[in-house]
């Protein structure tokens, strides 16, 4: 299970090896604003925005070279 560090304003989840798995801001205990998820090798996997805990706007998934390969519009 990943390790989680949370404070109002910043949330970080870590892979078992200690590398960052996910990070982004938290407001009122819910994700809010720009978030990123990473693979264990440190490359960016996915990014997108939350508004009061809900996915909003464009969410991008990246290949291992860092190039976007899927963009989803969450409205």
C-alpha atoms as a PDB file:
ATOM      1  CA  UNK A   1       0.000   0.000   0.000  1.00  0.00           C
ATOM      2  CA  UNK A   2       1.403   3.445  -0.897  1.00  0.00           C
ATOM      3  CA  UNK A   3       2.483   5.818   1.826  1.00  0.00           C
ATOM      4  CA  UNK A   4       0.435   9.000   2.065  1.00  0.00           C
ATOM      5  CA  UNK A   5       1.424  12.419   3.361  1.00  0.00           C
ATOM      6  CA  UNK A   6      -1.418  14.898   3.640  1.00  0.00           C
ATOM      7  CA  UNK A   7      -1.750  18.397   4.900  1.00  0.00           C
ATOM      8  CA  UNK A   8      -4.325  20.998   4.058  1.00  0.00           C
ATOM      9  CA  UNK A   9      -2.911  22.484   0.885  1.00  0.00           C
ATOM     10  CA  UNK A  10      -0.595  19.636  -0.216  1.00  0.00           C
ATOM     11  CA  UNK A  11      -1.069  15.882  -0.612  1.00  0.00           C
ATOM     12  CA  UNK A  12       1.673  13.417  -1.572  1.00  0.00           C
ATOM     13  CA  UNK A  13       1.369   9.659  -2.099  1.00  0.00           C
ATOM     14  CA  UNK A  14       4.505   7.541  -2.441  1.00  0.00           C
ATOM     15  CA  UNK A  15       5.311   4.231  -4.100  1.00  0.00           C
ATOM     16  CA  UNK A  16       6.812   1.509  -1.899  1.00  0.00           C
ATOM     17  CA  UNK A  17      10.298   2.583  -3.010  1.00  0.00           C
ATOM     18  CA  UNK A  18       9.657   6.106  -1.678  1.00  0.00           C
ATOM     19  CA  UNK A  19       9.307   7.838  -5.034  1.00  0.00           C
ATOM     20  CA  UNK A  20       6.345  10.162  -5.518  1.00  0.00           C
ATOM     21  CA  UNK A  21       3.251   8.381  -6.845  1.00  0.00           C
ATOM     22  CA  UNK A  22       0.850  11.361  -6.834  1.00  0.00           C
ATOM     23  CA  UNK A  23       0.788  14.939  -5.650  1.00  0.00           C
ATOM     24  CA  UNK A  24      -1.559  17.875  -5.638  1.00  0.00           C
ATOM     25  CA  UNK A  25      -3.410  20.387  -3.492  1.00  0.00           C
ATOM     26  CA  UNK A  26      -6.173  19.518  -1.037  1.00  0.00           C
ATOM     27  CA  UNK A  27      -8.904  21.915   0.114  1.00  0.00           C
ATOM     28  CA  UNK A  28     -11.434  20.896   2.776  1.00  0.00           C
ATOM     29  CA  UNK A  29     -10.042  17.345   2.611  1.00  0.00           C
ATOM     30  CA  UNK A  30     -10.716  16.969  -1.133  1.00  0.00           C
ATOM     31  CA  UNK A  31      -8.446  17.209  -4.186  1.00  0.00           C
ATOM     32  CA  UNK A  32      -8.655  20.673  -5.729  1.00  0.00           C
ATOM     33  CA  UNK A  33      -6.489  22.113  -8.493  1.00  0.00           C
ATOM     34  CA  UNK A  34      -3.742  20.553 -10.619  1.00  0.00           C
ATOM     35  CA  UNK A  35      -2.638  16.972  -9.788  1.00  0.00           C
ATOM     36  CA  UNK A  36       0.056  14.693 -11.207  1.00  0.00           C
ATOM     37  CA  UNK A  37       0.650  10.910 -11.024  1.00  0.00           C
ATOM     38  CA  UNK A  38       4.025   9.295 -11.639  1.00  0.00           C
ATOM     39  CA  UNK A  39       5.398   5.861 -12.486  1.00  0.00           C
ATOM     40  CA  UNK A  40       7.971   4.248 -10.179  1.00  0.00           C
ATOM     41  CA  UNK A  41      10.728   5.382 -12.564  1.00  0.00           C
ATOM     42  CA  UNK A  42       9.671   9.006 -11.975  1.00  0.00           C
ATOM     43  CA  UNK A  43       8.121   9.645 -15.385  1.00  0.00           C
ATOM     44  CA  UNK A  44       4.816  11.484 -15.529  1.00  0.00           C
ATOM     45  CA  UNK A  45       1.866   9.119 -16.027  1.00  0.00           C
ATOM     46  CA  UNK A  46      -1.198  11.379 -15.820  1.00  0.00           C
ATOM     47  CA  UNK A  47      -2.170  14.941 -15.016  1.00  0.00           C
ATOM     48  CA  UNK A  48      -5.398  16.852 -14.595  1.00  0.00           C
ATOM     49  CA  UNK A  49      -7.473  19.190 -12.496  1.00  0.00           C
ATOM     50  CA  UNK A  50      -9.950  18.689  -9.676  1.00  0.00           C
ATOM     51  CA  UNK A  51     -12.653  21.053  -8.432  1.00  0.00           C
ATOM     52  CA  UNK A  52     -13.918  20.148  -4.952  1.00  0.00           C
ATOM     53  CA  UNK A  53     -12.959  16.479  -5.452  1.00  0.00           C
ATOM     54  CA  UNK A  54     -14.413  16.103  -8.966  1.00  0.00           C
ATOM     55  CA  UNK A  55     -12.366  15.606 -12.167  1.00  0.00           C
ATOM     56  CA  UNK A  56     -12.754  18.652 -14.427  1.00  0.00           C
ATOM     57  CA  UNK A  57     -11.283  19.862 -17.704  1.00  0.00           C
ATOM     58  CA  UNK A  58      -8.685  18.002 -19.733  1.00  0.00           C
ATOM     59  CA  UNK A  59      -6.906  14.978 -18.248  1.00  0.00           C
ATOM     60  CA  UNK A  60      -3.766  13.830 -20.021  1.00  0.00           C
ATOM     61  CA  UNK A  61      -2.115  10.406 -19.944  1.00  0.00           C
ATOM     62  CA  UNK A  62       1.548  10.265 -21.003  1.00  0.00           C
ATOM     63  CA  UNK A  63       3.685   7.515 -22.518  1.00  0.00           C
ATOM     64  CA  UNK A  64       7.039   6.569 -20.972  1.00  0.00           C
ATOM     65  CA  UNK A  65       8.883   9.132 -23.102  1.00  0.00           C
ATOM     66  CA  UNK A  66       6.697  11.921 -21.679  1.00  0.00           C
ATOM     67  CA  UNK A  67       4.618  12.478 -24.807  1.00  0.00           C
ATOM     68  CA  UNK A  68       0.835  12.791 -24.371  1.00  0.00           C
ATOM     69  CA  UNK A  69      -0.991   9.820 -25.874  1.00  0.00           C
ATOM     70  CA  UNK A  70      -4.506  10.285 -24.503  1.00  0.00           C
ATOM     71  CA  UNK A  71      -6.457  13.403 -23.578  1.00  0.00           C
ATOM     72  CA  UNK A  72      -9.884  13.091 -21.969  1.00  0.00           C
ATOM     73  CA  UNK A  73     -12.241  16.040 -21.474  1.00  0.00           C
ATOM     74  CA  UNK A  74     -14.025  15.764 -18.133  1.00  0.00           C
ATOM     75  CA  UNK A  75     -16.126  18.860 -18.764  1.00  0.00           C
END
